[in-house]
Amino acid sequence: MSWIDKELRRRQKQPAPARAATSVAPSENGASSEIERIAALWEKFEEANRALPDALRLQRQTASTSVFPVELAMLTTLLKAGNGACIGFSGRAIRYFWPKPNPKKSNNFWIRAHPEKGYLLNRRIKPIALGAAMAERRFNEGSIDHILRCLVTGKRVSWRSVCKRRLWLF
């Protein structure tokens, strides 16, 4: 039994909240190669979300139709879960946001396109008061389904679970 079937059965037992209708994402014209690559990755997130059954589909919000919190003000499009966790597109990067703050290491991360290295993850690993150090790793494109699964089921996406593995180490 797949995780989709399990989640559908779990939600059938609970009263379901009303969901907004999804719309098609706007396309970008005349963008540089990095912006085109990150837009292509965002389209993969959108396609994976559209492939989910209606009961499990994440709510799609745009900046023109919704007011985003201050932490997400730079985003133009958002795929939001019921617990407030979301993944959003800013035009130049993709941001994962977990609503519960962590003062030490951030639970949030950015996915950016780099011309030579491919997709990179960036995350804050020191508190801002100590001079916010950033960690950078390569993004595993095969983890798109994992990210959506975590958002749908209400679990936090760990930074390590979406990084490309180095040899056999973590």
N, C-alpha and C. Protein backbone atom coordinates (compact mmCIF):
# COMPACT_ATOMS: atom_id res chain seq x y z
N MET A 1 0.86 -1.17 0.00
CA MET A 1 0.00 0.00 0.00
C MET A 1 0.90 1.24 0.00
N SER A 2 0.61 2.15 -0.87
CA SER A 2 1.44 3.35 -0.97
C SER A 2 1.08 4.36 0.11
N TRP A 3 1.93 5.34 0.27
CA TRP A 3 1.68 6.37 1.27
C TRP A 3 0.44 7.19 0.90
N ILE A 4 0.12 7.29 -0.38
CA ILE A 4 -1.05 8.05 -0.80
C ILE A 4 -2.32 7.37 -0.31
N ASP A 5 -2.38 6.04 -0.47
CA ASP A 5 -3.55 5.30 0.00
C ASP A 5 -3.71 5.42 1.52
N LYS A 6 -2.61 5.31 2.24
CA LYS A 6 -2.65 5.43 3.70
C LYS A 6 -3.15 6.81 4.12
N GLU A 7 -2.64 7.86 3.47
CA GLU A 7 -3.04 9.22 3.82
C GLU A 7 -4.50 9.47 3.47
N LEU A 8 -4.97 8.94 2.35
CA LEU A 8 -6.38 9.10 1.99
C LEU A 8 -7.29 8.44 3.02
N ARG A 9 -6.93 7.25 3.47
CA ARG A 9 -7.73 6.56 4.49
C ARG A 9 -7.72 7.32 5.80
N ARG A 10 -6.56 7.86 6.18
CA ARG A 10 -6.48 8.63 7.42
C ARG A 10 -7.36 9.87 7.34
N ARG A 11 -7.37 10.53 6.20
CA ARG A 11 -8.16 11.76 6.06
C ARG A 11 -9.65 11.48 5.94
N GLN A 12 -10.02 10.30 5.47
CA GLN A 12 -11.44 9.96 5.40
C GLN A 12 -12.04 9.82 6.79
N LYS A 13 -11.23 9.47 7.76
CA LYS A 13 -11.70 9.33 9.13
C LYS A 13 -11.90 10.68 9.79
N GLN A 14 -11.22 11.72 9.30
CA GLN A 14 -11.31 13.06 9.87
C GLN A 14 -12.12 13.95 8.93
N PRO A 15 -12.77 15.00 9.49
CA PRO A 15 -13.46 15.95 8.60
C PRO A 15 -12.42 16.74 7.79
N ALA A 16 -12.62 16.80 6.49
CA ALA A 16 -11.66 17.47 5.61
C ALA A 16 -11.94 18.96 5.52
N PRO A 17 -10.89 19.83 5.60
CA PRO A 17 -11.08 21.27 5.41
C PRO A 17 -11.32 21.58 3.93
N ALA A 18 -11.96 22.69 3.68
CA ALA A 18 -12.22 23.12 2.30
C ALA A 18 -10.91 23.50 1.64
N ARG A 19 -10.75 23.09 0.40
CA ARG A 19 -9.54 23.38 -0.36
C ARG A 19 -9.84 24.37 -1.47
N ALA A 20 -8.87 25.23 -1.78
CA ALA A 20 -9.02 26.19 -2.88
C ALA A 20 -8.70 25.50 -4.20
N ALA A 21 -9.27 25.99 -5.27
CA ALA A 21 -9.00 25.45 -6.59
C ALA A 21 -7.59 25.83 -7.02
N THR A 22 -6.95 24.93 -7.76
CA THR A 22 -5.59 25.20 -8.23
C THR A 22 -5.65 25.90 -9.57
N SER A 23 -4.62 26.64 -9.87
CA SER A 23 -4.53 27.30 -11.16
C SER A 23 -3.16 27.01 -11.77
N VAL A 24 -2.98 27.38 -13.00
CA VAL A 24 -1.75 27.11 -13.71
C VAL A 24 -0.72 28.19 -13.38
N ALA A 25 0.54 27.78 -13.18
CA ALA A 25 1.61 28.72 -12.86
C ALA A 25 1.96 29.57 -14.07
N PRO A 26 2.28 30.85 -13.83
CA PRO A 26 2.69 31.70 -14.95
C PRO A 26 4.06 31.28 -15.47
N SER A 27 4.30 31.42 -16.76
CA SER A 27 5.59 31.07 -17.33
C SER A 27 6.48 32.30 -17.40
N GLU A 28 7.79 32.06 -17.36
CA GLU A 28 8.75 33.16 -17.42
C GLU A 28 9.36 33.19 -18.82
N ASN A 29 9.45 34.37 -19.41
CA ASN A 29 10.05 34.52 -20.73
C ASN A 29 11.29 35.38 -20.62
N GLY A 30 12.32 35.05 -21.42
CA GLY A 30 13.54 35.84 -21.46
C GLY A 30 14.39 35.74 -20.20
N ALA A 31 14.33 34.64 -19.48
CA ALA A 31 15.10 34.51 -18.24
C ALA A 31 16.46 33.90 -18.54
N SER A 32 17.41 34.12 -17.64
CA SER A 32 18.75 33.54 -17.79
C SER A 32 18.68 32.04 -17.55
N SER A 33 19.77 31.34 -17.81
CA SER A 33 19.78 29.88 -17.70
C SER A 33 19.52 29.40 -16.28
N GLU A 34 20.05 30.09 -15.26
CA GLU A 34 19.81 29.67 -13.87
C GLU A 34 18.35 29.84 -13.49
N ILE A 35 17.76 30.93 -13.93
CA ILE A 35 16.35 31.17 -13.63
C ILE A 35 15.47 30.17 -14.37
N GLU A 36 15.83 29.84 -15.60
CA GLU A 36 15.08 28.84 -16.35
C GLU A 36 15.19 27.48 -15.69
N ARG A 37 16.37 27.14 -15.18
CA ARG A 37 16.55 25.84 -14.52
C ARG A 37 15.74 25.76 -13.23
N ILE A 38 15.73 26.81 -12.44
CA ILE A 38 14.98 26.77 -11.18
C ILE A 38 13.47 26.79 -11.49
N ALA A 39 13.07 27.48 -12.55
CA ALA A 39 11.66 27.47 -12.94
C ALA A 39 11.25 26.07 -13.41
N ALA A 40 12.15 25.37 -14.09
CA ALA A 40 11.86 24.00 -14.52
C ALA A 40 11.72 23.07 -13.31
N LEU A 41 12.56 23.27 -12.30
CA LEU A 41 12.45 22.47 -11.08
C LEU A 41 11.13 22.78 -10.36
N TRP A 42 10.75 24.05 -10.31
CA TRP A 42 9.48 24.41 -9.68
C TRP A 42 8.30 23.78 -10.43
N GLU A 43 8.40 23.72 -11.74
CA GLU A 43 7.34 23.08 -12.52
C GLU A 43 7.22 21.59 -12.16
N LYS A 44 8.34 20.96 -11.83
CA LYS A 44 8.29 19.56 -11.39
C LYS A 44 7.54 19.44 -10.07
N PHE A 45 7.74 20.39 -9.16
CA PHE A 45 6.98 20.40 -7.91
C PHE A 45 5.49 20.57 -8.19
N GLU A 46 5.16 21.48 -9.08
CA GLU A 46 3.76 21.73 -9.45
C GLU A 46 3.13 20.49 -10.08
N GLU A 47 3.85 19.83 -10.98
CA GLU A 47 3.34 18.63 -11.64
C GLU A 47 3.11 17.52 -10.63
N ALA A 48 4.06 17.34 -9.70
CA ALA A 48 3.91 16.30 -8.68
C ALA A 48 2.71 16.60 -7.79
N ASN A 49 2.48 17.87 -7.49
CA ASN A 49 1.32 18.25 -6.68
C ASN A 49 0.02 18.00 -7.45
N ARG A 50 -0.01 18.33 -8.74
CA ARG A 50 -1.21 18.09 -9.55
C ARG A 50 -1.49 16.60 -9.71
N ALA A 51 -0.46 15.76 -9.63
CA ALA A 51 -0.64 14.32 -9.78
C ALA A 51 -1.29 13.68 -8.55
N LEU A 52 -1.27 14.40 -7.42
CA LEU A 52 -1.88 13.88 -6.19
C LEU A 52 -3.41 13.90 -6.31
N PRO A 53 -4.10 13.01 -5.60
CA PRO A 53 -5.57 13.09 -5.58
C PRO A 53 -6.02 14.42 -4.97
N ASP A 54 -7.23 14.85 -5.32
CA ASP A 54 -7.73 16.15 -4.85
C ASP A 54 -7.72 16.28 -3.33
N ALA A 55 -7.99 15.20 -2.63
CA ALA A 55 -8.03 15.26 -1.17
C ALA A 55 -6.66 15.50 -0.55
N LEU A 56 -5.59 15.12 -1.26
CA LEU A 56 -4.24 15.28 -0.72
C LEU A 56 -3.48 16.46 -1.32
N ARG A 57 -4.00 17.05 -2.36
CA ARG A 57 -3.30 18.12 -3.06
C ARG A 57 -3.04 19.30 -2.14
N LEU A 58 -1.83 19.85 -2.22
CA LEU A 58 -1.46 21.03 -1.44
C LEU A 58 -2.17 22.26 -2.00
N GLN A 59 -2.50 23.18 -1.12
CA GLN A 59 -3.19 24.40 -1.54
C GLN A 59 -2.19 25.31 -2.25
N ARG A 60 -2.53 25.73 -3.46
CA ARG A 60 -1.66 26.63 -4.23
C ARG A 60 -2.13 28.05 -4.03
N GLN A 61 -1.22 28.92 -3.61
CA GLN A 61 -1.52 30.33 -3.41
C GLN A 61 -0.53 31.16 -4.22
N THR A 62 -0.99 32.30 -4.69
CA THR A 62 -0.12 33.23 -5.38
C THR A 62 -0.11 34.56 -4.64
N ALA A 63 0.91 35.35 -4.86
CA ALA A 63 1.04 36.64 -4.18
C ALA A 63 -0.08 37.59 -4.59
N SER A 64 -0.61 37.44 -5.78
CA SER A 64 -1.67 38.34 -6.23
C SER A 64 -3.02 38.02 -5.59
N THR A 65 -3.21 36.77 -5.12
CA THR A 65 -4.49 36.39 -4.54
C THR A 65 -4.46 36.22 -3.03
N SER A 66 -3.28 36.15 -2.42
CA SER A 66 -3.16 35.91 -0.98
C SER A 66 -2.14 36.86 -0.37
N VAL A 67 -2.25 37.05 0.93
CA VAL A 67 -1.26 37.81 1.67
C VAL A 67 -0.38 36.81 2.41
N PHE A 68 0.92 36.82 2.10
CA PHE A 68 1.84 35.89 2.72
C PHE A 68 2.40 36.47 4.01
N PRO A 69 2.81 35.63 4.97
CA PRO A 69 3.47 36.13 6.17
C PRO A 69 4.79 36.81 5.81
N VAL A 70 5.34 37.55 6.75
CA VAL A 70 6.57 38.32 6.52
C VAL A 70 7.71 37.41 6.08
N GLU A 71 7.82 36.20 6.66
CA GLU A 71 8.91 35.28 6.32
C GLU A 71 8.83 34.81 4.87
N LEU A 72 7.66 34.91 4.27
CA LEU A 72 7.45 34.40 2.91
C LEU A 72 7.11 35.49 1.92
N ALA A 73 7.33 36.74 2.29
CA ALA A 73 6.92 37.87 1.45
C ALA A 73 7.62 37.90 0.10
N MET A 74 8.80 37.32 -0.01
CA MET A 74 9.55 37.36 -1.27
C MET A 74 9.06 36.33 -2.28
N LEU A 75 8.16 35.44 -1.89
CA LEU A 75 7.69 34.38 -2.77
C LEU A 75 6.53 34.86 -3.64
N THR A 76 6.44 34.29 -4.84
CA THR A 76 5.34 34.62 -5.75
C THR A 76 4.28 33.53 -5.78
N THR A 77 4.68 32.28 -5.59
CA THR A 77 3.77 31.14 -5.60
C THR A 77 4.12 30.22 -4.45
N LEU A 78 3.09 29.61 -3.87
CA LEU A 78 3.26 28.82 -2.66
C LEU A 78 2.42 27.55 -2.77
N LEU A 79 3.00 26.42 -2.35
CA LEU A 79 2.24 25.18 -2.16
C LEU A 79 2.22 24.96 -0.65
N LYS A 80 1.04 25.12 -0.05
CA LYS A 80 0.93 25.17 1.40
C LYS A 80 0.20 23.95 1.95
N ALA A 81 0.76 23.38 3.02
CA ALA A 81 0.14 22.25 3.71
C ALA A 81 -0.79 22.77 4.79
N GLY A 82 -1.57 21.88 5.37
CA GLY A 82 -2.54 22.26 6.38
C GLY A 82 -1.92 22.75 7.68
N ASN A 83 -0.69 22.31 8.01
CA ASN A 83 -0.06 22.70 9.26
C ASN A 83 0.76 23.99 9.14
N GLY A 84 0.74 24.64 7.97
CA GLY A 84 1.48 25.88 7.78
C GLY A 84 2.81 25.70 7.08
N ALA A 85 3.30 24.47 6.97
CA ALA A 85 4.54 24.22 6.23
C ALA A 85 4.26 24.44 4.76
N CYS A 86 5.28 24.88 4.02
CA CYS A 86 5.06 25.15 2.61
C CYS A 86 6.36 25.13 1.83
N ILE A 87 6.21 25.10 0.55
CA ILE A 87 7.34 25.26 -0.36
C ILE A 87 6.90 26.32 -1.37
N GLY A 88 7.78 27.28 -1.63
CA GLY A 88 7.39 28.40 -2.47
C GLY A 88 8.44 28.75 -3.51
N PHE A 89 8.02 29.50 -4.50
CA PHE A 89 8.87 29.91 -5.61
C PHE A 89 8.98 31.42 -5.62
N SER A 90 10.22 31.91 -5.69
CA SER A 90 10.43 33.35 -5.68
C SER A 90 10.81 33.90 -7.05
N GLY A 91 10.99 33.05 -8.03
CA GLY A 91 11.45 33.49 -9.34
C GLY A 91 12.91 33.19 -9.55
N ARG A 92 13.70 33.24 -8.48
CA ARG A 92 15.13 32.95 -8.54
C ARG A 92 15.53 31.75 -7.70
N ALA A 93 14.64 31.32 -6.81
CA ALA A 93 14.95 30.20 -5.92
C ALA A 93 13.63 29.59 -5.41
N ILE A 94 13.78 28.43 -4.79
CA ILE A 94 12.65 27.74 -4.17
C ILE A 94 12.94 27.66 -2.68
N ARG A 95 11.96 27.97 -1.85
CA ARG A 95 12.16 27.97 -0.41
C ARG A 95 11.23 26.98 0.27
N TYR A 96 11.81 26.16 1.15
CA TYR A 96 11.02 25.30 2.04
C TYR A 96 10.90 26.02 3.37
N PHE A 97 9.69 26.08 3.91
CA PHE A 97 9.45 26.79 5.17
C PHE A 97 8.72 25.88 6.14
N TRP A 98 9.28 25.72 7.34
CA TRP A 98 8.65 24.98 8.43
C TRP A 98 8.20 26.01 9.45
N PRO A 99 6.93 25.99 9.89
CA PRO A 99 6.39 27.07 10.71
C PRO A 99 6.93 27.17 12.14
N LYS A 100 7.49 26.09 12.68
CA LYS A 100 8.00 26.13 14.05
C LYS A 100 9.47 26.57 14.02
N PRO A 101 9.80 27.72 14.62
CA PRO A 101 11.18 28.22 14.54
C PRO A 101 12.15 27.39 15.39
N ASN A 102 13.38 27.36 14.96
CA ASN A 102 14.46 26.71 15.68
C ASN A 102 15.56 27.76 15.86
N PRO A 103 15.87 28.19 17.09
CA PRO A 103 16.84 29.27 17.28
C PRO A 103 18.28 28.88 16.95
N LYS A 104 18.59 27.60 16.95
CA LYS A 104 19.97 27.18 16.67
C LYS A 104 20.19 26.98 15.17
N LYS A 105 19.70 25.88 14.65
CA LYS A 105 19.81 25.62 13.21
C LYS A 105 18.44 25.85 12.58
N SER A 106 18.44 26.42 11.43
CA SER A 106 17.18 26.69 10.75
C SER A 106 16.58 25.39 10.21
N ASN A 107 15.27 25.27 10.30
CA ASN A 107 14.55 24.15 9.68
C ASN A 107 14.21 24.46 8.24
N ASN A 108 14.46 25.67 7.79
CA ASN A 108 14.12 26.11 6.45
C ASN A 108 15.35 26.04 5.55
N PHE A 109 15.12 25.93 4.25
CA PHE A 109 16.25 25.94 3.33
C PHE A 109 15.81 26.51 1.99
N TRP A 110 16.81 26.92 1.21
CA TRP A 110 16.61 27.45 -0.13
C TRP A 110 17.19 26.46 -1.13
N ILE A 111 16.55 26.33 -2.28
CA ILE A 111 17.09 25.56 -3.40
C ILE A 111 17.38 26.57 -4.50
N ARG A 112 18.65 26.60 -4.93
CA ARG A 112 19.07 27.56 -5.97
C ARG A 112 19.76 26.79 -7.09
N ALA A 113 19.78 27.38 -8.28
CA ALA A 113 20.47 26.79 -9.42
C ALA A 113 21.84 27.44 -9.55
N HIS A 114 22.85 26.61 -9.75
CA HIS A 114 24.22 27.09 -9.97
C HIS A 114 24.66 26.58 -11.33
N PRO A 115 25.34 27.43 -12.14
CA PRO A 115 25.68 27.00 -13.50
C PRO A 115 26.56 25.75 -13.57
N GLU A 116 27.53 25.60 -12.70
CA GLU A 116 28.43 24.45 -12.77
C GLU A 116 28.01 23.30 -11.85
N LYS A 117 27.47 23.62 -10.69
CA LYS A 117 27.20 22.60 -9.68
C LYS A 117 25.80 22.01 -9.74
N GLY A 118 24.90 22.60 -10.48
CA GLY A 118 23.52 22.12 -10.52
C GLY A 118 22.69 22.82 -9.46
N TYR A 119 21.78 22.07 -8.83
CA TYR A 119 20.92 22.64 -7.79
C TYR A 119 21.62 22.55 -6.44
N LEU A 120 21.59 23.65 -5.69
CA LEU A 120 22.23 23.70 -4.38
C LEU A 120 21.22 24.03 -3.29
N LEU A 121 21.43 23.44 -2.12
CA LEU A 121 20.63 23.75 -0.93
C LEU A 121 21.43 24.69 -0.05
N ASN A 122 20.80 25.71 0.49
CA ASN A 122 21.42 26.62 1.43
C ASN A 122 20.60 26.64 2.70
N ARG A 123 21.29 26.58 3.86
CA ARG A 123 20.60 26.60 5.15
C ARG A 123 21.47 27.31 6.17
N ARG A 124 20.82 28.06 7.07
CA ARG A 124 21.53 28.74 8.16
C ARG A 124 21.85 27.70 9.23
N ILE A 125 23.13 27.68 9.69
CA ILE A 125 23.51 26.68 10.70
C ILE A 125 23.95 27.31 12.02
N LYS A 126 24.04 28.62 12.07
CA LYS A 126 24.36 29.32 13.32
C LYS A 126 23.30 30.38 13.57
N PRO A 127 23.04 30.70 14.83
CA PRO A 127 22.08 31.77 15.11
C PRO A 127 22.52 33.10 14.49
N ILE A 128 21.55 33.92 14.18
CA ILE A 128 21.85 35.22 13.56
C ILE A 128 22.71 36.07 14.48
N ALA A 129 22.50 35.97 15.79
CA ALA A 129 23.27 36.76 16.75
C ALA A 129 24.75 36.41 16.72
N LEU A 130 25.10 35.19 16.30
CA LEU A 130 26.50 34.76 16.24
C LEU A 130 27.10 34.92 14.84
N GLY A 131 26.41 35.56 13.96
CA GLY A 131 26.96 35.80 12.62
C GLY A 131 26.53 34.78 11.60
N ALA A 132 25.31 34.43 11.57
CA ALA A 132 24.64 33.48 10.68
C ALA A 132 25.53 32.83 9.62
N ALA A 133 26.07 31.68 9.91
CA ALA A 133 26.85 30.91 8.95
C ALA A 133 25.89 30.07 8.11
N MET A 134 26.23 29.89 6.86
CA MET A 134 25.38 29.14 5.94
C MET A 134 26.07 27.85 5.53
N ALA A 135 25.28 26.78 5.39
CA ALA A 135 25.77 25.51 4.88
C ALA A 135 25.23 25.32 3.48
N GLU A 136 26.02 24.69 2.63
CA GLU A 136 25.61 24.49 1.25
C GLU A 136 25.89 23.05 0.84
N ARG A 137 24.91 22.40 0.23
CA ARG A 137 25.04 21.03 -0.26
C ARG A 137 24.30 20.93 -1.59
N ARG A 138 24.56 19.87 -2.33
CA ARG A 138 23.85 19.65 -3.60
C ARG A 138 22.48 19.05 -3.33
N PHE A 139 21.51 19.47 -4.12
CA PHE A 139 20.13 19.02 -3.98
C PHE A 139 19.90 17.76 -4.81
N ASN A 140 19.22 16.79 -4.23
CA ASN A 140 18.86 15.56 -4.92
C ASN A 140 17.51 15.76 -5.59
N GLU A 141 17.49 15.81 -6.92
CA GLU A 141 16.24 16.05 -7.66
C GLU A 141 15.23 14.94 -7.48
N GLY A 142 15.66 13.77 -7.09
CA GLY A 142 14.76 12.66 -6.86
C GLY A 142 13.97 12.78 -5.57
N SER A 143 14.25 13.79 -4.77
CA SER A 143 13.57 13.94 -3.49
C SER A 143 12.34 14.84 -3.56
N ILE A 144 11.90 15.20 -4.75
CA ILE A 144 10.70 16.03 -4.89
C ILE A 144 9.49 15.31 -4.30
N ASP A 145 9.35 14.03 -4.60
CA ASP A 145 8.23 13.26 -4.04
C ASP A 145 8.33 13.17 -2.52
N HIS A 146 9.54 13.05 -2.00
CA HIS A 146 9.73 13.00 -0.55
C HIS A 146 9.28 14.31 0.11
N ILE A 147 9.62 15.43 -0.51
CA ILE A 147 9.23 16.73 0.04
C ILE A 147 7.70 16.86 0.04
N LEU A 148 7.07 16.51 -1.06
CA LEU A 148 5.61 16.60 -1.11
C LEU A 148 4.95 15.63 -0.14
N ARG A 149 5.53 14.45 0.01
CA ARG A 149 4.98 13.48 0.97
C ARG A 149 5.03 14.03 2.38
N CYS A 150 6.15 14.64 2.75
CA CYS A 150 6.29 15.23 4.08
C CYS A 150 5.30 16.38 4.28
N LEU A 151 5.13 17.21 3.27
CA LEU A 151 4.18 18.32 3.38
C LEU A 151 2.75 17.80 3.54
N VAL A 152 2.38 16.80 2.77
CA VAL A 152 1.02 16.26 2.83
C VAL A 152 0.75 15.59 4.18
N THR A 153 1.73 14.86 4.69
CA THR A 153 1.54 14.13 5.94
C THR A 153 1.83 14.97 7.18
N GLY A 154 2.30 16.20 7.01
CA GLY A 154 2.54 17.09 8.14
C GLY A 154 3.85 16.86 8.86
N LYS A 155 4.82 16.26 8.19
CA LYS A 155 6.13 16.01 8.79
C LYS A 155 7.14 17.02 8.26
N ARG A 156 8.15 17.30 9.06
CA ARG A 156 9.19 18.25 8.66
C ARG A 156 10.17 17.57 7.71
N VAL A 157 10.57 18.28 6.67
CA VAL A 157 11.57 17.78 5.74
C VAL A 157 12.94 18.09 6.34
N SER A 158 13.73 17.07 6.57
CA SER A 158 15.07 17.33 7.09
C SER A 158 15.99 17.71 5.93
N TRP A 159 16.93 18.53 6.24
CA TRP A 159 17.88 19.02 5.24
C TRP A 159 18.67 17.86 4.67
N ARG A 160 19.07 16.92 5.52
CA ARG A 160 19.87 15.78 5.08
C ARG A 160 19.10 14.87 4.13
N SER A 161 17.78 14.79 4.28
CA SER A 161 17.01 13.86 3.46
C SER A 161 16.88 14.31 2.01
N VAL A 162 17.16 15.56 1.70
CA VAL A 162 17.04 16.05 0.33
C VAL A 162 18.40 16.39 -0.29
N CYS A 163 19.47 16.14 0.44
CA CYS A 163 20.83 16.37 -0.09
C CYS A 163 21.28 15.15 -0.87
N LYS A 164 22.17 15.39 -1.83
CA LYS A 164 22.82 14.27 -2.51
C LYS A 164 23.80 13.65 -1.54
N ARG A 165 23.84 12.35 -1.52
CA ARG A 165 24.74 11.63 -0.63
C ARG A 165 26.18 11.70 -1.14
N ARG A 166 27.10 11.81 -0.23
CA ARG A 166 28.52 11.77 -0.58
C ARG A 166 29.02 10.36 -0.31
N LEU A 167 29.30 9.65 -1.36
CA LEU A 167 29.71 8.25 -1.27
C LEU A 167 28.69 7.47 -0.46
N TRP A 168 29.06 6.86 0.61
CA TRP A 168 28.14 6.11 1.45
C TRP A 168 27.81 6.85 2.74
N LEU A 169 28.38 8.03 2.92
CA LEU A 169 28.18 8.80 4.15
C LEU A 169 26.84 9.51 4.11
N PHE A 170 26.15 9.52 5.21
CA PHE A 170 24.82 10.13 5.38
C PHE A 170 24.27 10.49 4.06
